[in-house]
Amino acid sequence: MHSFIAKYIRKLKDTCSKVMDLPDSPRKIAQGVALGIALDFLPLPFISIPISFILAKLFRINAVSAVLAVIFFKWAVPVFFYFDFLVGKMLIGEGSPVKNVMEGISFTGPGAWMAWIKSLSYPFLIGSVVNSIIVGVSSYFLVKALLDYYRRKKKSHFIKLPQPEKAR
């Protein structure tokens, strides 16, 4: 378990350094990360990576950061979907969430996945839209602040001090 956590932390550091060093403005990179994370909350199980790339190119934001965010948070999609369902149930007011939303479902392919999503219906879809917007907007501001700080720190590290002029 310790090696798994260490491996994941190493992957997190590598991904963060790749995103921080992308040659684009902090605003465009942060928008790409926000788009990628927001798409992971939506029920797009097999096509979120190409959709993130296409939308990033369409909106002229950083496509690499969008795709990296989608790929990096792919492991958390089941957790995101559970929160989508919980938030949707709370917003609709249908009482407490079902104890086992996975009961009787076998994921044999895309058709089975879509049948499961349809069985969750409105609470899941409403929760996914709400969570996608909230997490996308908050991740934009967080990543933009981190990028601004990182780039200011990096730039100040390389500032050259003024040299005295040579006498002629």
N, C-alpha and C. Protein backbone atom coordinates (compact mmCIF):
# COMPACT_ATOMS: atom_id res chain seq x y z
N MET A 1 0.82 -1.19 0.00
CA MET A 1 0.00 0.00 0.00
C MET A 1 0.87 1.26 0.00
N HIS A 2 1.97 1.19 0.77
CA HIS A 2 2.87 2.34 0.85
C HIS A 2 3.49 2.65 -0.51
N SER A 3 3.87 1.63 -1.25
CA SER A 3 4.47 1.84 -2.57
C SER A 3 3.45 2.42 -3.55
N PHE A 4 2.18 2.02 -3.41
CA PHE A 4 1.13 2.55 -4.26
C PHE A 4 0.96 4.05 -4.01
N ILE A 5 0.94 4.44 -2.74
CA ILE A 5 0.78 5.85 -2.39
C ILE A 5 1.99 6.65 -2.85
N ALA A 6 3.19 6.11 -2.63
CA ALA A 6 4.41 6.79 -3.07
C ALA A 6 4.42 6.96 -4.59
N LYS A 7 3.98 5.93 -5.30
CA LYS A 7 3.93 6.00 -6.77
C LYS A 7 2.94 7.06 -7.22
N TYR A 8 1.79 7.13 -6.56
CA TYR A 8 0.78 8.12 -6.93
C TYR A 8 1.27 9.54 -6.63
N ILE A 9 1.95 9.73 -5.51
CA ILE A 9 2.48 11.05 -5.17
C ILE A 9 3.54 11.47 -6.19
N ARG A 10 4.38 10.53 -6.61
CA ARG A 10 5.38 10.81 -7.63
C ARG A 10 4.71 11.20 -8.94
N LYS A 11 3.64 10.50 -9.29
CA LYS A 11 2.90 10.81 -10.52
C LYS A 11 2.25 12.19 -10.42
N LEU A 12 1.73 12.53 -9.24
CA LEU A 12 1.13 13.84 -9.01
C LEU A 12 2.18 14.94 -9.21
N LYS A 13 3.36 14.75 -8.64
CA LYS A 13 4.43 15.75 -8.79
C LYS A 13 4.85 15.89 -10.25
N ASP A 14 4.98 14.78 -10.95
CA ASP A 14 5.37 14.84 -12.36
C ASP A 14 4.32 15.57 -13.20
N THR A 15 3.05 15.25 -12.96
CA THR A 15 1.97 15.90 -13.71
C THR A 15 1.91 17.38 -13.40
N CYS A 16 2.04 17.74 -12.12
CA CYS A 16 2.02 19.16 -11.75
C CYS A 16 3.18 19.92 -12.38
N SER A 17 4.36 19.32 -12.39
CA SER A 17 5.49 20.02 -13.00
C SER A 17 5.30 20.17 -14.51
N LYS A 18 4.70 19.17 -15.15
CA LYS A 18 4.42 19.29 -16.58
C LYS A 18 3.45 20.43 -16.85
N VAL A 19 2.40 20.52 -16.02
CA VAL A 19 1.40 21.58 -16.21
C VAL A 19 2.00 22.95 -15.91
N MET A 20 2.80 23.05 -14.85
CA MET A 20 3.40 24.33 -14.47
C MET A 20 4.37 24.85 -15.52
N ASP A 21 5.01 23.96 -16.25
CA ASP A 21 6.00 24.37 -17.23
C ASP A 21 5.46 24.47 -18.65
N LEU A 22 4.16 24.35 -18.83
CA LEU A 22 3.60 24.49 -20.16
C LEU A 22 3.82 25.91 -20.69
N PRO A 23 4.15 26.05 -21.95
CA PRO A 23 4.45 27.38 -22.51
C PRO A 23 3.19 28.12 -22.95
N ASP A 24 2.36 28.47 -22.01
CA ASP A 24 1.13 29.20 -22.32
C ASP A 24 0.82 30.10 -21.14
N SER A 25 -0.17 30.95 -21.28
CA SER A 25 -0.51 31.86 -20.20
C SER A 25 -1.16 31.08 -19.05
N PRO A 26 -0.99 31.55 -17.81
CA PRO A 26 -1.62 30.88 -16.67
C PRO A 26 -3.14 30.77 -16.81
N ARG A 27 -3.75 31.79 -17.41
CA ARG A 27 -5.20 31.76 -17.59
C ARG A 27 -5.63 30.60 -18.48
N LYS A 28 -4.94 30.41 -19.60
CA LYS A 28 -5.31 29.33 -20.53
C LYS A 28 -5.02 27.95 -19.95
N ILE A 29 -3.92 27.84 -19.22
CA ILE A 29 -3.60 26.55 -18.59
C ILE A 29 -4.62 26.22 -17.52
N ALA A 30 -4.96 27.20 -16.69
CA ALA A 30 -5.96 26.98 -15.63
C ALA A 30 -7.32 26.65 -16.21
N GLN A 31 -7.68 27.28 -17.32
CA GLN A 31 -8.94 26.96 -17.98
C GLN A 31 -8.92 25.53 -18.50
N GLY A 32 -7.80 25.08 -19.01
CA GLY A 32 -7.69 23.71 -19.49
C GLY A 32 -7.84 22.70 -18.36
N VAL A 33 -7.17 22.97 -17.23
CA VAL A 33 -7.28 22.06 -16.08
C VAL A 33 -8.72 22.05 -15.57
N ALA A 34 -9.35 23.22 -15.49
CA ALA A 34 -10.73 23.29 -15.02
C ALA A 34 -11.66 22.51 -15.95
N LEU A 35 -11.45 22.64 -17.25
CA LEU A 35 -12.27 21.89 -18.21
C LEU A 35 -12.09 20.39 -18.02
N GLY A 36 -10.84 19.96 -17.87
CA GLY A 36 -10.57 18.53 -17.71
C GLY A 36 -11.20 17.96 -16.45
N ILE A 37 -11.07 18.66 -15.33
CA ILE A 37 -11.65 18.18 -14.08
C ILE A 37 -13.17 18.20 -14.16
N ALA A 38 -13.73 19.26 -14.75
CA ALA A 38 -15.19 19.36 -14.86
C ALA A 38 -15.75 18.23 -15.72
N LEU A 39 -15.06 17.86 -16.78
CA LEU A 39 -15.54 16.77 -17.64
C LEU A 39 -15.53 15.42 -16.92
N ASP A 40 -14.64 15.26 -15.94
CA ASP A 40 -14.63 14.01 -15.19
C ASP A 40 -15.86 13.85 -14.31
N PHE A 41 -16.56 14.93 -14.00
CA PHE A 41 -17.78 14.84 -13.20
C PHE A 41 -19.00 14.53 -14.06
N LEU A 42 -18.89 14.70 -15.36
CA LEU A 42 -20.02 14.44 -16.25
C LEU A 42 -20.01 12.97 -16.69
N PRO A 43 -21.19 12.42 -17.00
CA PRO A 43 -21.26 11.01 -17.40
C PRO A 43 -20.80 10.77 -18.84
N LEU A 44 -19.51 10.95 -19.06
CA LEU A 44 -18.89 10.71 -20.36
C LEU A 44 -17.80 9.66 -20.18
N PRO A 45 -18.17 8.42 -19.91
CA PRO A 45 -17.20 7.44 -19.45
C PRO A 45 -16.07 7.07 -20.41
N PHE A 46 -16.31 7.04 -21.68
CA PHE A 46 -15.29 6.55 -22.60
C PHE A 46 -14.74 7.63 -23.52
N ILE A 47 -15.38 8.77 -23.55
CA ILE A 47 -15.00 9.78 -24.54
C ILE A 47 -14.57 11.11 -23.94
N SER A 48 -14.35 11.17 -22.63
CA SER A 48 -14.00 12.45 -22.00
C SER A 48 -12.63 12.97 -22.44
N ILE A 49 -11.71 12.09 -22.75
CA ILE A 49 -10.37 12.55 -23.17
C ILE A 49 -10.44 13.23 -24.54
N PRO A 50 -11.01 12.59 -25.56
CA PRO A 50 -11.09 13.32 -26.84
C PRO A 50 -12.01 14.55 -26.77
N ILE A 51 -13.05 14.48 -25.96
CA ILE A 51 -13.94 15.64 -25.84
C ILE A 51 -13.19 16.80 -25.20
N SER A 52 -12.36 16.51 -24.19
CA SER A 52 -11.59 17.59 -23.56
C SER A 52 -10.65 18.24 -24.56
N PHE A 53 -10.03 17.45 -25.40
CA PHE A 53 -9.11 17.99 -26.41
C PHE A 53 -9.87 18.85 -27.42
N ILE A 54 -10.98 18.35 -27.91
CA ILE A 54 -11.77 19.08 -28.91
C ILE A 54 -12.32 20.38 -28.34
N LEU A 55 -12.88 20.33 -27.11
CA LEU A 55 -13.42 21.54 -26.49
C LEU A 55 -12.32 22.56 -26.20
N ALA A 56 -11.16 22.08 -25.77
CA ALA A 56 -10.05 22.99 -25.49
C ALA A 56 -9.61 23.70 -26.77
N LYS A 57 -9.52 22.97 -27.86
CA LYS A 57 -9.15 23.60 -29.14
C LYS A 57 -10.25 24.57 -29.61
N LEU A 58 -11.50 24.18 -29.41
CA LEU A 58 -12.62 25.01 -29.82
C LEU A 58 -12.66 26.33 -29.05
N PHE A 59 -12.41 26.27 -27.74
CA PHE A 59 -12.45 27.46 -26.89
C PHE A 59 -11.09 28.17 -26.80
N ARG A 60 -10.10 27.65 -27.51
CA ARG A 60 -8.75 28.23 -27.55
C ARG A 60 -8.12 28.32 -26.17
N ILE A 61 -8.22 27.21 -25.44
CA ILE A 61 -7.53 27.10 -24.17
C ILE A 61 -6.50 25.99 -24.29
N ASN A 62 -5.70 25.79 -23.28
CA ASN A 62 -4.60 24.83 -23.36
C ASN A 62 -5.12 23.40 -23.39
N ALA A 63 -4.98 22.74 -24.51
CA ALA A 63 -5.50 21.38 -24.69
C ALA A 63 -4.68 20.35 -23.90
N VAL A 64 -3.38 20.58 -23.78
CA VAL A 64 -2.54 19.63 -23.05
C VAL A 64 -2.94 19.58 -21.58
N SER A 65 -3.17 20.75 -20.98
CA SER A 65 -3.56 20.76 -19.57
C SER A 65 -4.95 20.14 -19.37
N ALA A 66 -5.84 20.33 -20.34
CA ALA A 66 -7.17 19.72 -20.24
C ALA A 66 -7.08 18.20 -20.29
N VAL A 67 -6.33 17.68 -21.23
CA VAL A 67 -6.19 16.23 -21.37
C VAL A 67 -5.45 15.63 -20.17
N LEU A 68 -4.40 16.30 -19.71
CA LEU A 68 -3.67 15.81 -18.53
C LEU A 68 -4.57 15.75 -17.30
N ALA A 69 -5.43 16.76 -17.14
CA ALA A 69 -6.34 16.77 -15.99
C ALA A 69 -7.34 15.62 -16.08
N VAL A 70 -7.89 15.39 -17.27
CA VAL A 70 -8.85 14.29 -17.43
C VAL A 70 -8.18 12.96 -17.12
N ILE A 71 -6.99 12.78 -17.66
CA ILE A 71 -6.29 11.50 -17.45
C ILE A 71 -5.90 11.33 -15.99
N PHE A 72 -5.39 12.39 -15.38
CA PHE A 72 -4.91 12.28 -14.02
C PHE A 72 -6.04 11.95 -13.03
N PHE A 73 -7.22 12.54 -13.21
CA PHE A 73 -8.32 12.32 -12.28
C PHE A 73 -9.25 11.19 -12.70
N LYS A 74 -8.88 10.42 -13.71
CA LYS A 74 -9.72 9.31 -14.17
C LYS A 74 -9.96 8.28 -13.07
N TRP A 75 -8.98 8.07 -12.20
CA TRP A 75 -9.11 7.09 -11.11
C TRP A 75 -10.23 7.48 -10.15
N ALA A 76 -10.54 8.78 -10.06
CA ALA A 76 -11.52 9.26 -9.09
C ALA A 76 -12.94 9.35 -9.65
N VAL A 77 -13.13 8.99 -10.91
CA VAL A 77 -14.45 9.12 -11.54
C VAL A 77 -15.55 8.37 -10.77
N PRO A 78 -15.33 7.15 -10.29
CA PRO A 78 -16.40 6.51 -9.50
C PRO A 78 -16.77 7.29 -8.25
N VAL A 79 -15.80 7.90 -7.61
CA VAL A 79 -16.08 8.74 -6.43
C VAL A 79 -16.84 9.98 -6.86
N PHE A 80 -16.43 10.59 -7.98
CA PHE A 80 -17.13 11.76 -8.50
C PHE A 80 -18.58 11.41 -8.82
N PHE A 81 -18.80 10.27 -9.44
CA PHE A 81 -20.16 9.86 -9.79
C PHE A 81 -21.02 9.64 -8.54
N TYR A 82 -20.43 9.10 -7.51
CA TYR A 82 -21.17 8.90 -6.26
C TYR A 82 -21.58 10.26 -5.68
N PHE A 83 -20.64 11.22 -5.69
CA PHE A 83 -20.98 12.56 -5.20
C PHE A 83 -22.02 13.23 -6.10
N ASP A 84 -21.96 12.98 -7.40
CA ASP A 84 -22.99 13.50 -8.30
C ASP A 84 -24.37 13.01 -7.87
N PHE A 85 -24.46 11.74 -7.59
CA PHE A 85 -25.73 11.14 -7.19
C PHE A 85 -26.19 11.72 -5.85
N LEU A 86 -25.28 11.85 -4.89
CA LEU A 86 -25.65 12.40 -3.58
C LEU A 86 -26.13 13.84 -3.68
N VAL A 87 -25.40 14.65 -4.42
CA VAL A 87 -25.78 16.06 -4.56
C VAL A 87 -27.12 16.17 -5.29
N GLY A 88 -27.31 15.38 -6.33
CA GLY A 88 -28.58 15.40 -7.05
C GLY A 88 -29.75 15.00 -6.16
N LYS A 89 -29.56 13.98 -5.34
CA LYS A 89 -30.62 13.56 -4.41
C LYS A 89 -30.92 14.67 -3.40
N MET A 90 -29.88 15.34 -2.92
CA MET A 90 -30.10 16.42 -1.95
C MET A 90 -30.82 17.60 -2.61
N LEU A 91 -30.47 17.94 -3.84
CA LEU A 91 -31.09 19.07 -4.51
C LEU A 91 -32.53 18.80 -4.90
N ILE A 92 -32.81 17.59 -5.33
CA ILE A 92 -34.17 17.24 -5.72
C ILE A 92 -35.04 17.02 -4.50
N GLY A 93 -34.42 16.55 -3.42
CA GLY A 93 -35.15 16.32 -2.18
C GLY A 93 -35.90 15.01 -2.17
N GLU A 94 -35.31 14.00 -2.76
CA GLU A 94 -35.96 12.69 -2.82
C GLU A 94 -35.62 11.83 -1.61
N GLY A 95 -35.18 12.41 -0.54
CA GLY A 95 -34.84 11.63 0.64
C GLY A 95 -33.42 11.15 0.61
N SER A 96 -33.12 10.19 1.45
CA SER A 96 -31.76 9.69 1.55
C SER A 96 -31.40 8.89 0.31
N PRO A 97 -30.11 8.92 -0.06
CA PRO A 97 -29.67 8.18 -1.24
C PRO A 97 -29.86 6.68 -1.07
N VAL A 98 -29.99 6.01 -2.20
CA VAL A 98 -30.11 4.56 -2.20
C VAL A 98 -28.84 3.97 -1.60
N LYS A 99 -28.98 2.94 -0.77
CA LYS A 99 -27.81 2.38 -0.10
C LYS A 99 -26.85 1.72 -1.07
N ASN A 100 -27.37 1.04 -2.05
CA ASN A 100 -26.48 0.36 -2.99
C ASN A 100 -26.93 0.64 -4.41
N VAL A 101 -26.35 1.68 -5.00
CA VAL A 101 -26.76 2.05 -6.36
C VAL A 101 -26.18 1.09 -7.40
N MET A 102 -25.27 0.23 -7.00
CA MET A 102 -24.64 -0.69 -7.93
C MET A 102 -25.34 -2.05 -7.98
N GLU A 103 -26.37 -2.23 -7.21
CA GLU A 103 -27.02 -3.53 -7.11
C GLU A 103 -27.61 -3.97 -8.44
N GLY A 104 -27.27 -5.17 -8.85
CA GLY A 104 -27.84 -5.76 -10.05
C GLY A 104 -27.26 -5.25 -11.36
N ILE A 105 -26.16 -4.51 -11.31
CA ILE A 105 -25.57 -3.95 -12.51
C ILE A 105 -24.27 -4.67 -12.82
N SER A 106 -24.11 -5.07 -14.08
CA SER A 106 -22.83 -5.63 -14.52
C SER A 106 -22.37 -4.81 -15.71
N PHE A 107 -21.14 -4.30 -15.63
CA PHE A 107 -20.61 -3.44 -16.67
C PHE A 107 -19.91 -4.28 -17.73
N THR A 108 -20.68 -4.70 -18.71
CA THR A 108 -20.11 -5.53 -19.77
C THR A 108 -19.72 -4.72 -21.00
N GLY A 109 -20.10 -3.45 -21.01
CA GLY A 109 -19.76 -2.61 -22.15
C GLY A 109 -20.44 -1.26 -22.05
N PRO A 110 -20.29 -0.45 -23.08
CA PRO A 110 -20.89 0.88 -23.05
C PRO A 110 -22.41 0.87 -22.90
N GLY A 111 -23.07 -0.12 -23.46
CA GLY A 111 -24.53 -0.21 -23.32
C GLY A 111 -24.96 -0.43 -21.88
N ALA A 112 -24.24 -1.28 -21.18
CA ALA A 112 -24.55 -1.52 -19.76
C ALA A 112 -24.27 -0.28 -18.93
N TRP A 113 -23.20 0.44 -19.28
CA TRP A 113 -22.88 1.68 -18.56
C TRP A 113 -24.01 2.70 -18.75
N MET A 114 -24.50 2.84 -19.97
CA MET A 114 -25.58 3.80 -20.24
C MET A 114 -26.87 3.38 -19.55
N ALA A 115 -27.14 2.08 -19.48
CA ALA A 115 -28.34 1.61 -18.78
C ALA A 115 -28.25 1.95 -17.29
N TRP A 116 -27.06 1.82 -16.72
CA TRP A 116 -26.88 2.16 -15.30
C TRP A 116 -27.10 3.65 -15.07
N ILE A 117 -26.56 4.48 -15.98
CA ILE A 117 -26.73 5.93 -15.83
C ILE A 117 -28.20 6.30 -15.96
N LYS A 118 -28.92 5.67 -16.89
CA LYS A 118 -30.35 5.95 -17.04
C LYS A 118 -31.13 5.53 -15.80
N SER A 119 -30.70 4.45 -15.15
CA SER A 119 -31.40 4.01 -13.94
C SER A 119 -31.21 5.00 -12.80
N LEU A 120 -30.13 5.75 -12.82
CA LEU A 120 -29.91 6.76 -11.78
C LEU A 120 -30.74 8.01 -12.07
N SER A 121 -30.96 8.30 -13.32
CA SER A 121 -31.87 9.31 -13.81
C SER A 121 -31.52 10.73 -13.39
N TYR A 122 -32.55 11.49 -13.04
CA TYR A 122 -32.40 12.91 -12.81
C TYR A 122 -31.46 13.29 -11.66
N PRO A 123 -31.52 12.62 -10.52
CA PRO A 123 -30.59 13.03 -9.45
C PRO A 123 -29.13 12.99 -9.89
N PHE A 124 -28.77 11.95 -10.60
CA PHE A 124 -27.38 11.83 -11.05
C PHE A 124 -27.03 12.92 -12.06
N LEU A 125 -27.89 13.15 -13.02
CA LEU A 125 -27.60 14.15 -14.05
C LEU A 125 -27.55 15.56 -13.48
N ILE A 126 -28.49 15.90 -12.59
CA ILE A 126 -28.48 17.22 -11.97
C ILE A 126 -27.23 17.38 -11.10
N GLY A 127 -26.92 16.37 -10.31
CA GLY A 127 -25.72 16.43 -9.47
C GLY A 127 -24.45 16.55 -10.29
N SER A 128 -24.39 15.86 -11.43
CA SER A 128 -23.18 15.92 -12.25
C SER A 128 -22.99 17.32 -12.84
N VAL A 129 -24.06 17.95 -13.27
CA VAL A 129 -23.94 19.31 -13.82
C VAL A 129 -23.54 20.30 -12.73
N VAL A 130 -24.19 20.21 -11.57
CA VAL A 130 -23.88 21.13 -10.47
C VAL A 130 -22.43 20.94 -9.99
N ASN A 131 -22.04 19.69 -9.76
CA ASN A 131 -20.67 19.42 -9.30
C ASN A 131 -19.64 19.83 -10.35
N SER A 132 -19.94 19.59 -11.61
CA SER A 132 -19.03 19.95 -12.68
C SER A 132 -18.78 21.45 -12.70
N ILE A 133 -19.83 22.23 -12.55
CA ILE A 133 -19.69 23.70 -12.56
C ILE A 133 -18.92 24.17 -11.32
N ILE A 134 -19.30 23.68 -10.16
CA ILE A 134 -18.66 24.13 -8.92
C ILE A 134 -17.18 23.75 -8.90
N VAL A 135 -16.88 22.50 -9.21
CA VAL A 135 -15.49 22.04 -9.17
C VAL A 135 -14.67 22.68 -10.30
N GLY A 136 -15.27 22.84 -11.46
CA GLY A 136 -14.56 23.47 -12.57
C GLY A 136 -14.17 24.91 -12.26
N VAL A 137 -15.10 25.68 -11.74
CA VAL A 137 -14.82 27.09 -11.42
C VAL A 137 -13.80 27.19 -10.29
N SER A 138 -14.00 26.41 -9.23
CA SER A 138 -13.06 26.49 -8.10
C SER A 138 -11.67 26.00 -8.50
N SER A 139 -11.58 24.96 -9.32
CA SER A 139 -10.25 24.49 -9.74
C SER A 139 -9.58 25.51 -10.65
N TYR A 140 -10.35 26.26 -11.44
CA TYR A 140 -9.76 27.32 -12.26
C TYR A 140 -9.03 28.34 -11.39
N PHE A 141 -9.73 28.85 -10.37
CA PHE A 141 -9.13 29.87 -9.53
C PHE A 141 -7.96 29.33 -8.72
N LEU A 142 -8.05 28.10 -8.26
CA LEU A 142 -6.96 27.49 -7.50
C LEU A 142 -5.73 27.30 -8.39
N VAL A 143 -5.91 26.72 -9.56
CA VAL A 143 -4.78 26.46 -10.45
C VAL A 143 -4.18 27.77 -10.96
N LYS A 144 -5.01 28.75 -11.26
CA LYS A 144 -4.48 30.04 -11.73
C LYS A 144 -3.65 30.71 -10.64
N ALA A 145 -4.11 30.67 -9.41
CA ALA A 145 -3.34 31.25 -8.30
C ALA A 145 -2.01 30.51 -8.12
N LEU A 146 -2.05 29.19 -8.20
CA LEU A 146 -0.82 28.40 -8.07
C LEU A 146 0.16 28.70 -9.21
N LEU A 147 -0.36 28.81 -10.42
CA LEU A 147 0.50 29.11 -11.57
C LEU A 147 1.11 30.51 -11.45
N ASP A 148 0.31 31.49 -11.05
CA ASP A 148 0.83 32.84 -10.88
C ASP A 148 1.93 32.86 -9.83
N TYR A 149 1.71 32.18 -8.71
CA TYR A 149 2.71 32.12 -7.65
C TYR A 149 3.98 31.41 -8.14
N TYR A 150 3.82 30.29 -8.79
CA TYR A 150 4.95 29.50 -9.28
C TYR A 150 5.77 30.30 -10.28
N ARG A 151 5.11 30.98 -11.19
CA ARG A 151 5.83 31.73 -12.22
C ARG A 151 6.49 32.99 -11.66
N ARG A 152 5.84 33.64 -10.67
CA ARG A 152 6.47 34.78 -10.02
C ARG A 152 7.73 34.34 -9.27
N LYS A 153 7.60 33.22 -8.56
CA LYS A 153 8.73 32.70 -7.80
C LYS A 153 9.87 32.30 -8.74
N LYS A 154 9.51 31.66 -9.84
CA LYS A 154 10.52 31.22 -10.81
C LYS A 154 11.20 32.42 -11.46
N LYS A 155 10.41 33.45 -11.78
CA LYS A 155 10.95 34.64 -12.42
C LYS A 155 11.86 35.40 -11.45
N SER A 156 11.48 35.51 -10.20
CA SER A 156 12.30 36.25 -9.23
C SER A 156 13.60 35.51 -8.93
N HIS A 157 13.61 34.22 -9.16
CA HIS A 157 14.82 33.44 -8.93
C HIS A 157 15.89 33.76 -9.97
N PHE A 158 15.44 34.19 -11.14
CA PHE A 158 16.37 34.45 -12.23
C PHE A 158 16.58 35.94 -12.51
N ILE A 159 16.14 36.80 -11.62
CA ILE A 159 16.33 38.24 -11.83
C ILE A 159 17.82 38.58 -11.68
N LYS A 160 18.33 39.31 -12.65
CA LYS A 160 19.73 39.71 -12.60
C LYS A 160 19.83 41.04 -11.86
N LEU A 161 20.76 41.12 -10.95
CA LEU A 161 20.99 42.36 -10.23
C LEU A 161 21.72 43.33 -11.15
N PRO A 162 21.44 44.63 -10.99
CA PRO A 162 22.13 45.60 -11.84
C PRO A 162 23.63 45.63 -11.53
N GLN A 163 24.40 45.69 -12.56
CA GLN A 163 25.86 45.70 -12.44
C GLN A 163 26.36 47.15 -12.53
N PRO A 164 27.37 47.46 -11.74
CA PRO A 164 27.93 48.82 -11.85
C PRO A 164 28.54 49.03 -13.23
N GLU A 165 28.40 50.27 -13.70
CA GLU A 165 28.94 50.59 -15.02
C GLU A 165 30.45 50.66 -14.96
N LYS A 166 31.06 50.29 -16.06
CA LYS A 166 32.51 50.33 -16.14
C LYS A 166 32.97 51.76 -16.41
N ALA A 167 34.05 52.14 -15.78
CA ALA A 167 34.61 53.49 -15.98
C ALA A 167 35.32 53.54 -17.33
N ARG A 168 35.16 54.64 -18.05
CA ARG A 168 35.75 54.76 -19.38
C ARG A 168 36.93 55.61 -19.34
